[in-house]
C-alpha atoms as a PDB file:
ATOM      1  CA  MET A   1    -146.039  39.007-113.943  1.00  0.00           C
ATOM      2  CA  MET A   2    -144.793  40.520-110.913  1.00  0.00           C
ATOM      3  CA  GLU A   3    -143.984  37.165-109.119  1.00  0.00           C
ATOM      4  CA  ASN A   4    -142.394  36.097-111.985  1.00  0.00           C
ATOM      5  CA  LYS A   5    -139.731  39.042-112.077  1.00  0.00           C
ATOM      6  CA  GLN A   6    -139.291  38.456-108.402  1.00  0.00           C
ATOM      7  CA  SER A   7    -138.754  34.593-108.706  1.00  0.00           C
ATOM      8  CA  SER A   8    -136.031  35.926-111.461  1.00  0.00           C
ATOM      9  CA  GLU A   9    -134.510  38.061-109.071  1.00  0.00           C
ATOM     10  CA  SER A  10    -134.454  35.482-106.491  1.00  0.00           C
ATOM     11  CA  ALA A  11    -132.476  33.582-108.600  1.00  0.00           C
ATOM     12  CA  VAL A  12    -129.679  36.172-109.208  1.00  0.00           C
ATOM     13  CA  PRO A  13    -127.340  34.943-106.273  1.00  0.00           C
ATOM     14  CA  ASP A  14    -127.434  31.303-107.569  1.00  0.00           C
ATOM     15  CA  VAL A  15    -126.721  32.329-111.314  1.00  0.00           C
ATOM     16  CA  HIS A  16    -123.665  34.555-109.819  1.00  0.00           C
ATOM     17  CA  LYS A  17    -122.425  31.750-107.443  1.00  0.00           C
ATOM     18  CA  THR A  18    -122.335  29.159-110.718  1.00  0.00           C
ATOM     19  CA  ILE A  19    -120.638  32.164-112.481  1.00  0.00           C
ATOM     20  CA  LYS A  20    -118.094  32.509-109.898  1.00  0.00           C
ATOM     21  CA  ALA A  21    -117.290  28.946-109.463  1.00  0.00           C
ATOM     22  CA  ALA A  22    -117.075  28.429-113.060  1.00  0.00           C
ATOM     23  CA  PHE A  23    -114.612  31.627-113.217  1.00  0.00           C
ATOM     24  CA  GLU A  24    -112.437  31.104-110.487  1.00  0.00           C
ATOM     25  CA  ALA A  25    -111.521  27.462-111.697  1.00  0.00           C
ATOM     26  CA  PHE A  26    -109.934  29.399-114.339  1.00  0.00           C
ATOM     27  CA  ASP A  27    -108.156  32.587-111.962  1.00  0.00           C
ATOM     28  CA  TYR A  28    -104.905  30.770-111.287  1.00  0.00           C
ATOM     29  CA  GLU A  29    -103.563  33.689-109.300  1.00  0.00           C
ATOM     30  CA  SER A  30    -106.784  34.069-107.354  1.00  0.00           C
ATOM     31  CA  ASN A  31    -106.941  38.033-108.595  1.00  0.00           C
ATOM     32  CA  ASN A  32    -110.333  37.929-109.770  1.00  0.00           C
ATOM     33  CA  LYS A  33    -109.223  38.118-113.561  1.00  0.00           C
ATOM     34  CA  VAL A  34    -108.465  35.273-116.083  1.00  0.00           C
ATOM     35  CA  ASP A  35    -106.829  35.355-119.485  1.00  0.00           C
ATOM     36  CA  VAL A  36    -109.319  36.002-122.349  1.00  0.00           C
ATOM     37  CA  ARG A  37    -108.538  33.144-123.829  1.00  0.00           C
ATOM     38  CA  GLU A  38    -110.591  31.200-121.144  1.00  0.00           C
ATOM     39  CA  ILE A  39    -113.520  33.043-121.645  1.00  0.00           C
ATOM     40  CA  GLY A  40    -114.972  30.236-123.821  1.00  0.00           C
ATOM     41  CA  THR A  41    -114.347  27.732-122.020  1.00  0.00           C
ATOM     42  CA  ILE A  42    -115.774  29.510-118.858  1.00  0.00           C
ATOM     43  CA  ILE A  43    -118.965  30.420-120.803  1.00  0.00           C
ATOM     44  CA  TYR A  44    -119.109  26.485-122.353  1.00  0.00           C
ATOM     45  CA  SER A  45    -118.491  25.202-118.773  1.00  0.00           C
ATOM     46  CA  LEU A  46    -121.819  27.194-117.854  1.00  0.00           C
ATOM     47  CA  GLY A  47    -123.830  25.341-120.247  1.00  0.00           C
ATOM     48  CA  CYS A  48    -123.996  27.973-123.024  1.00  0.00           C
ATOM     49  CA  PHE A  49    -122.997  27.725-126.608  1.00  0.00           C
ATOM     50  CA  PRO A  50    -122.444  31.098-128.192  1.00  0.00           C
ATOM     51  CA  THR A  51    -121.604  31.207-132.020  1.00  0.00           C
ATOM     52  CA  GLN A  52    -118.255  32.513-132.309  1.00  0.00           C
ATOM     53  CA  ALA A  53    -119.805  35.767-133.311  1.00  0.00           C
ATOM     54  CA  ASP A  54    -121.906  36.169-130.541  1.00  0.00           C
ATOM     55  CA  LEU A  55    -118.532  35.077-128.145  1.00  0.00           C
ATOM     56  CA  HIS A  56    -116.365  37.657-129.868  1.00  0.00           C
ATOM     57  CA  ASP A  57    -119.170  40.193-128.763  1.00  0.00           C
ATOM     58  CA  LEU A  58    -119.234  39.485-125.368  1.00  0.00           C
ATOM     59  CA  ILE A  59    -115.495  39.265-125.129  1.00  0.00           C
ATOM     60  CA  ALA A  60    -115.116  42.673-126.788  1.00  0.00           C
ATOM     61  CA  GLN A  61    -118.188  43.877-124.182  1.00  0.00           C
ATOM     62  CA  VAL A  62    -116.085  42.953-121.049  1.00  0.00           C
ATOM     63  CA  GLU A  63    -112.269  42.792-122.185  1.00  0.00           C
ATOM     64  CA  ASP A  64    -110.077  45.564-120.938  1.00  0.00           C
ATOM     65  CA  GLN A  65    -107.370  45.606-123.706  1.00  0.00           C
ATOM     66  CA  THR A  66    -104.791  44.155-121.795  1.00  0.00           C
ATOM     67  CA  GLY A  67    -105.867  40.713-122.594  1.00  0.00           C
ATOM     68  CA  TYR A  68    -107.515  39.859-119.450  1.00  0.00           C
ATOM     69  CA  ILE A  69    -110.814  39.844-118.253  1.00  0.00           C
ATOM     70  CA  HIS A  70    -112.095  41.024-114.580  1.00  0.00           C
ATOM     71  CA  LEU A  71    -114.828  38.972-112.828  1.00  0.00           C
ATOM     72  CA  GLU A  72    -116.338  42.641-111.942  1.00  0.00           C
ATOM     73  CA  ARG A  73    -117.355  42.943-115.619  1.00  0.00           C
ATOM     74  CA  PHE A  74    -117.913  39.656-116.899  1.00  0.00           C
ATOM     75  CA  LEU A  75    -120.391  38.919-113.773  1.00  0.00           C
ATOM     76  CA  PRO A  76    -123.040  41.509-114.674  1.00  0.00           C
ATOM     77  CA  ALA A  77    -122.680  40.567-118.701  1.00  0.00           C
ATOM     78  CA  MET A  78    -122.487  36.958-117.975  1.00  0.00           C
ATOM     79  CA  THR A  79    -125.605  36.947-115.419  1.00  0.00           C
ATOM     80  CA  LYS A  80    -127.798  38.925-118.237  1.00  0.00           C
ATOM     81  CA  VAL A  81    -126.959  36.209-120.726  1.00  0.00           C
ATOM     82  CA  LEU A  82    -127.593  33.294-117.995  1.00  0.00           C
ATOM     83  CA  MET A  83    -131.245  34.918-117.081  1.00  0.00           C
ATOM     84  CA  GLU A  84    -132.117  36.149-120.900  1.00  0.00           C
ATOM     85  CA  HIS A  85    -131.271  32.737-122.249  1.00  0.00           C
ATOM     86  CA  LYS A  86    -129.059  34.398-124.946  1.00  0.00           C
ATOM     87  CA  PHE A  87    -127.138  31.433-125.726  1.00  0.00           C
ATOM     88  CA  PRO A  88    -128.517  28.155-126.628  1.00  0.00           C
ATOM     89  CA  SER A  89    -127.671  25.512-124.011  1.00  0.00           C
ATOM     90  CA  VAL A  90    -127.399  21.656-123.713  1.00  0.00           C
ATOM     91  CA  PRO A  91    -130.371  20.027-121.603  1.00  0.00           C
ATOM     92  CA  GLU A  92    -129.069  17.887-118.880  1.00  0.00           C
ATOM     93  CA  ASP A  93    -129.843  14.753-119.860  1.00  0.00           C
ATOM     94  CA  LEU A  94    -128.224  15.123-122.931  1.00  0.00           C
ATOM     95  CA  LEU A  95    -125.004  16.016-120.964  1.00  0.00           C
ATOM     96  CA  LEU A  96    -125.421  12.959-119.095  1.00  0.00           C
ATOM     97  CA  GLN A  97    -126.008  10.727-122.076  1.00  0.00           C
ATOM     98  CA  ALA A  98    -123.100  12.374-123.465  1.00  0.00           C
ATOM     99  CA  PHE A  99    -120.935  11.713-120.669  1.00  0.00           C
ATOM    100  CA  GLU A 100    -122.239   7.985-120.191  1.00  0.00           C
ATOM    101  CA  VAL A 101    -121.220   7.132-123.896  1.00  0.00           C
ATOM    102  CA  LEU A 102    -117.613   7.763-122.827  1.00  0.00           C
ATOM    103  CA  ASP A 103    -118.060   5.558-119.462  1.00  0.00           C
ATOM    104  CA  LYS A 104    -117.772   2.594-121.053  1.00  0.00           C
ATOM    105  CA  GLY A 105    -117.512   0.741-117.932  1.00  0.00           C
ATOM    106  CA  LYS A 106    -120.558   2.674-116.200  1.00  0.00           C
ATOM    107  CA  LYS A 107    -118.486   3.815-113.486  1.00  0.00           C
ATOM    108  CA  GLY A 108    -119.705   7.533-112.833  1.00  0.00           C
ATOM    109  CA  TYR A 109    -116.679   9.244-113.847  1.00  0.00           C
ATOM    110  CA  LEU A 110    -114.220   9.237-116.440  1.00  0.00           C
ATOM    111  CA  GLU A 111    -110.069   8.709-115.823  1.00  0.00           C
ATOM    112  CA  PRO A 112    -108.232  12.409-116.865  1.00  0.00           C
ATOM    113  CA  ALA A 113    -106.573  10.345-119.641  1.00  0.00           C
ATOM    114  CA  GLU A 114    -109.256   9.018-120.821  1.00  0.00           C
ATOM    115  CA  LEU A 115    -110.928  12.138-121.064  1.00  0.00           C
ATOM    116  CA  ALA A 116    -108.213  13.801-122.622  1.00  0.00           C
ATOM    117  CA  LYS A 117    -107.994  10.858-125.482  1.00  0.00           C
ATOM    118  CA  TYR A 118    -111.696  11.891-126.497  1.00  0.00           C
ATOM    119  CA  MET A 119    -111.185  15.566-126.317  1.00  0.00           C
ATOM    120  CA  THR A 120    -107.720  15.624-128.411  1.00  0.00           C
ATOM    121  CA  HIS A 121    -108.594  13.206-130.806  1.00  0.00           C
ATOM    122  CA  GLU A 122    -112.230  13.273-131.927  1.00  0.00           C
ATOM    123  CA  GLY A 123    -114.626  16.220-132.870  1.00  0.00           C
ATOM    124  CA  GLU A 124    -113.640  19.470-132.108  1.00  0.00           C
ATOM    125  CA  LEU A 125    -110.416  19.047-131.190  1.00  0.00           C
ATOM    126  CA  PHE A 126    -108.847  20.625-127.863  1.00  0.00           C
ATOM    127  CA  THR A 127    -104.933  21.152-127.701  1.00  0.00           C
ATOM    128  CA  GLN A 128    -102.974  19.189-124.839  1.00  0.00           C
ATOM    129  CA  GLU A 129    -102.782  22.669-123.221  1.00  0.00           C
ATOM    130  CA  GLU A 130    -106.503  23.142-123.045  1.00  0.00           C
ATOM    131  CA  MET A 131    -106.912  19.851-121.767  1.00  0.00           C
ATOM    132  CA  ASP A 132    -103.907  20.133-118.950  1.00  0.00           C
ATOM    133  CA  GLU A 133    -105.984  23.419-118.236  1.00  0.00           C
ATOM    134  CA  MET A 134    -109.300  21.776-118.252  1.00  0.00           C
ATOM    135  CA  LEU A 135    -108.431  18.578-116.129  1.00  0.00           C
ATOM    136  CA  THR A 136    -106.563  20.688-113.862  1.00  0.00           C
ATOM    137  CA  ALA A 137    -110.213  22.371-112.969  1.00  0.00           C
ATOM    138  CA  LEU A 138    -112.233  19.362-113.365  1.00  0.00           C
ATOM    139  CA  ALA A 139    -110.680  16.386-111.649  1.00  0.00           C
ATOM    140  CA  ASP A 140    -111.297  15.868-108.193  1.00  0.00           C
ATOM    141  CA  ARG A 141    -108.324  16.486-106.399  1.00  0.00           C
ATOM    142  CA  GLU A 142    -108.104  13.623-103.686  1.00  0.00           C
ATOM    143  CA  ASN A 143    -108.280  11.053-106.676  1.00  0.00           C
ATOM    144  CA  ASN A 144    -107.840  12.722-110.031  1.00  0.00           C
ATOM    145  CA  ARG A 145    -111.156  11.554-111.453  1.00  0.00           C
ATOM    146  CA  VAL A 146    -113.842  13.258-113.288  1.00  0.00           C
ATOM    147  CA  TYR A 147    -116.944  12.889-111.612  1.00  0.00           C
ATOM    148  CA  TYR A 148    -119.102  13.831-114.782  1.00  0.00           C
ATOM    149  CA  LYS A 149    -122.738  13.860-112.868  1.00  0.00           C
ATOM    150  CA  ASP A 150    -121.195  16.319-110.328  1.00  0.00           C
ATOM    151  CA  LEU A 151    -119.807  18.415-113.110  1.00  0.00           C
ATOM    152  CA  ILE A 152    -123.383  18.476-114.998  1.00  0.00           C
ATOM    153  CA  ASN A 153    -125.164  19.611-111.747  1.00  0.00           C
ATOM    154  CA  GLN A 154    -122.260  22.639-111.701  1.00  0.00           C
ATOM    155  CA  TRP A 155    -122.826  23.035-115.614  1.00  0.00           C
ATOM    156  CA  THR A 156    -126.232  23.182-115.392  1.00  0.00           C
ATOM    157  CA  ILE A 157    -128.920  26.076-114.772  1.00  0.00           C
ATOM    158  CA  ASP A 158    -132.310  25.846-114.146  1.00  0.00           C
ATOM    159  CA  PRO A 159    -134.148  26.729-117.355  1.00  0.00           C
ATOM    160  CA  ASP A 160    -137.019  28.337-115.478  1.00  0.00           C
ATOM    161  CA  MET A 161    -135.039  30.817-113.816  1.00  0.00           C
END
């Protein structure tokens, strides 16, 4: 039992690093705060899929009533969520399968326009503004491609933590 607690505690720095990376992708002014409207996307990018009620509860817990969420409030709350597996996650292999279905040419990446088409016309629709923000964070800056295996590695947390 004590060994399990120690392995859990040693995982915290990795969890913090993952949360910070997701948060910073939406911290456009590099001031350790994000618009409250980005939190759902950040949480989803961490492989968590809370209900709308759970998402609203978490936001109420960390928002400072200015419309922004600060990293120092979000980090401990999200760490607890991840360490306690509070929100269901999507297994890595299922995420990979989903991207591979979209990658008809089996290239290992998606073009931003291709991903935007899927995300704004099928399933739970994103607005063009949401897609622009997401693609800014997800696309490789050098060649403007979305390498989904790299994203999956960033998004998934070891379930044995």
